[in-house]
Protein backbone atom coordinates (compact mmCIF):
# COMPACT_ATOMS: atom_id res chain seq x y z
CA UNK A 1 -42.07 -8.47 23.31
CA UNK A 2 -41.47 -7.04 26.66
CA UNK A 3 -41.55 -3.51 27.09
CA UNK A 4 -37.95 -1.83 27.64
CA UNK A 5 -39.42 -0.31 31.11
CA UNK A 6 -39.22 -3.86 32.34
CA UNK A 7 -36.39 -5.60 30.58
CA UNK A 8 -35.52 -9.41 30.98
CA UNK A 9 -32.47 -9.15 33.12
CA UNK A 10 -29.46 -11.67 32.15
CA UNK A 11 -26.32 -12.51 33.47
CA UNK A 12 -23.60 -14.15 31.45
CA UNK A 13 -21.25 -16.78 32.98
CA UNK A 14 -18.57 -17.95 30.46
CA UNK A 15 -14.86 -18.25 31.44
CA UNK A 16 -13.84 -16.31 28.28
CA UNK A 17 -14.42 -12.72 28.50
CA UNK A 18 -14.20 -12.26 24.59
CA UNK A 19 -17.12 -14.92 24.64
CA UNK A 20 -19.16 -12.70 26.99
CA UNK A 21 -18.22 -9.74 25.07
CA UNK A 22 -19.80 -11.65 21.83
CA UNK A 23 -22.92 -12.44 23.94
CA UNK A 24 -23.36 -8.72 25.09
CA UNK A 25 -22.93 -7.68 21.48
CA UNK A 26 -25.82 -10.01 20.32
CA UNK A 27 -28.01 -8.93 23.26
CA UNK A 28 -26.88 -5.12 22.95
CA UNK A 29 -29.22 -4.79 20.00
CA UNK A 30 -32.35 -5.89 22.13
CA UNK A 31 -34.17 -3.29 24.23
CA UNK A 32 -36.06 -5.83 25.86
CA UNK A 33 -32.91 -7.57 27.21
CA UNK A 34 -30.74 -6.13 29.75
CA UNK A 35 -27.20 -7.72 30.85
CA UNK A 36 -26.95 -6.92 34.38
CA UNK A 37 -23.64 -9.17 35.24
CA UNK A 38 -21.17 -11.20 34.22
CA UNK A 39 -19.03 -14.04 35.85
CA UNK A 40 -15.86 -15.69 34.51
CA UNK A 41 -16.36 -18.78 36.91
CA UNK A 42 -18.67 -20.65 38.95
CA UNK A 43 -17.42 -19.22 42.23
CA UNK A 44 -17.52 -15.39 40.98
CA UNK A 45 -21.39 -16.29 39.46
CA UNK A 46 -22.52 -17.60 42.96
CA UNK A 47 -20.85 -14.45 44.57
CA UNK A 48 -22.62 -12.00 42.26
CA UNK A 49 -25.94 -13.67 42.86
CA UNK A 50 -25.57 -14.02 46.58
CA UNK A 51 -23.48 -10.83 47.67
CA UNK A 52 -25.84 -8.30 45.66
CA UNK A 53 -29.31 -7.32 45.18
CA UNK A 54 -29.02 -8.48 41.64
CA UNK A 55 -31.73 -10.97 40.66
CA UNK A 56 -31.77 -11.90 37.09
CA UNK A 57 -34.55 -13.77 35.33
CA UNK A 58 -31.83 -15.64 33.41
CA UNK A 59 -28.21 -16.95 33.60
CA UNK A 60 -26.48 -17.99 30.45
CA UNK A 61 -23.93 -20.39 32.04
CA UNK A 62 -21.01 -22.20 30.25
CA UNK A 63 -20.74 -25.76 31.34
CA UNK A 64 -16.90 -25.65 30.91
CA UNK A 65 -16.07 -22.90 33.66
CA UNK A 66 -13.00 -23.22 35.59
CA UNK A 67 -12.95 -23.49 39.72
CA UNK A 68 -16.83 -24.05 40.59
CA UNK A 69 -17.74 -25.83 37.39
CA UNK A 70 -20.82 -24.81 35.34
CA UNK A 71 -22.93 -27.84 36.42
CA UNK A 72 -21.97 -27.50 40.23
CA UNK A 73 -22.65 -23.81 40.07
CA UNK A 74 -26.03 -24.44 38.36
CA UNK A 75 -27.19 -26.94 41.03
CA UNK A 76 -26.04 -24.74 43.86
CA UNK A 77 -27.66 -21.48 42.35
CA UNK A 78 -30.85 -23.31 41.64
CA UNK A 79 -30.83 -24.42 45.30
CA UNK A 80 -30.56 -21.02 46.82
CA UNK A 81 -32.19 -18.97 44.02
CA UNK A 82 -34.95 -21.27 42.56
CA UNK A 83 -36.59 -18.43 40.70
CA UNK A 84 -33.51 -17.80 38.21
CA UNK A 85 -33.87 -19.49 35.02
CA UNK A 86 -30.69 -20.96 33.45
CA UNK A 87 -29.73 -21.47 29.79
CA UNK A 88 -26.78 -23.98 29.49
CA UNK A 89 -24.20 -23.74 26.73
CA UNK A 90 -22.16 -26.46 25.92
CA UNK A 91 -19.50 -27.61 23.31
CA UNK A 92 -20.73 -30.78 21.92
CA UNK A 93 -24.35 -32.18 21.32
CA UNK A 94 -24.14 -34.82 24.17
CA UNK A 95 -27.54 -35.87 24.90
CA UNK A 96 -26.79 -37.18 28.38
CA UNK A 97 -25.79 -33.69 29.46
CA UNK A 98 -28.56 -32.17 27.97
CA UNK A 99 -30.87 -34.62 29.85
CA UNK A 100 -29.10 -34.17 32.87
CA UNK A 101 -29.30 -30.55 32.97
CA UNK A 102 -32.89 -30.32 32.01
CA UNK A 103 -33.72 -32.95 34.62
CA UNK A 104 -31.77 -30.86 37.02
CA UNK A 105 -34.16 -27.82 36.29
CA UNK A 106 -32.43 -25.94 33.37
CA UNK A 107 -34.84 -23.96 31.07
CA UNK A 108 -32.71 -24.57 27.93
CA UNK A 109 -29.48 -25.96 26.31
CA UNK A 110 -27.65 -24.56 23.35
CA UNK A 111 -24.34 -25.42 21.66
CA UNK A 112 -21.85 -22.82 21.99
CA UNK A 113 -20.96 -22.96 18.21
CA UNK A 114 -24.65 -21.79 17.34
CA UNK A 115 -25.07 -19.03 20.01
CA UNK A 116 -25.12 -16.49 16.95
CA UNK A 117 -28.34 -17.77 15.78
CA UNK A 118 -29.95 -19.36 18.62
CA UNK A 119 -29.28 -17.16 21.72
CA UNK A 120 -32.26 -14.96 21.14
CA UNK A 121 -34.89 -17.77 20.07
CA UNK A 122 -33.67 -19.40 23.30
CA UNK A 123 -34.07 -16.52 25.51
CA UNK A 124 -37.50 -15.90 24.02
CA UNK A 125 -38.49 -19.33 24.50
CA UNK A 126 -37.55 -19.44 28.12
CA UNK A 127 -39.08 -16.15 28.85
CA UNK A 128 -42.16 -17.39 27.68
CA UNK A 129 -42.06 -20.36 30.37
CA UNK A 130 -41.00 -23.19 27.93
CA UNK A 131 -37.83 -25.09 27.72
CA UNK A 132 -35.52 -24.59 24.75
CA UNK A 133 -33.18 -27.36 23.24
CA UNK A 134 -30.82 -26.77 20.35
CA UNK A 135 -32.42 -28.10 17.01
CA UNK A 136 -29.41 -30.18 16.50
CA UNK A 137 -29.96 -32.04 19.72
CA UNK A 138 -33.33 -33.30 18.50
CA UNK A 139 -31.66 -34.50 15.22
CA UNK A 140 -28.99 -36.34 17.28
CA UNK A 141 -31.30 -37.66 19.52
CA UNK A 142 -33.70 -38.90 16.87
CA UNK A 143 -30.80 -40.57 15.10
CA UNK A 144 -29.85 -42.33 18.17
CA UNK A 145 -33.15 -43.82 18.32
CA UNK A 146 -33.32 -45.18 14.75
């Protein structure tokens, strides 16, 4: 576990402020994770990262944001800030989205419905330099191969 002196800096990007509050509540119990910003759409996320001294370790990003959509924002920011890691959140276990996100450089993918139990393990996995995929995605992928 990382010391609270150098917490893992996280930005929350989701169109619903109540969902961001829930994420903040889950992460608020951790002294080794610091939520340093929030955005409600991709354009705000880009501005947050480009117009401030804020350099998060991780952006937790909703795929379904309005305006500058989640995947567009992800690709743009990955180009301008390659050091920032991304945990993508989606509504459905669509392996095509997961594969595309990972091949485009995402560090993890979780389902929004499972965020309460998977968020912290996903962050820890990404912090350790590994890729995180929601366990349900593995089971749906395995079923598709059978």
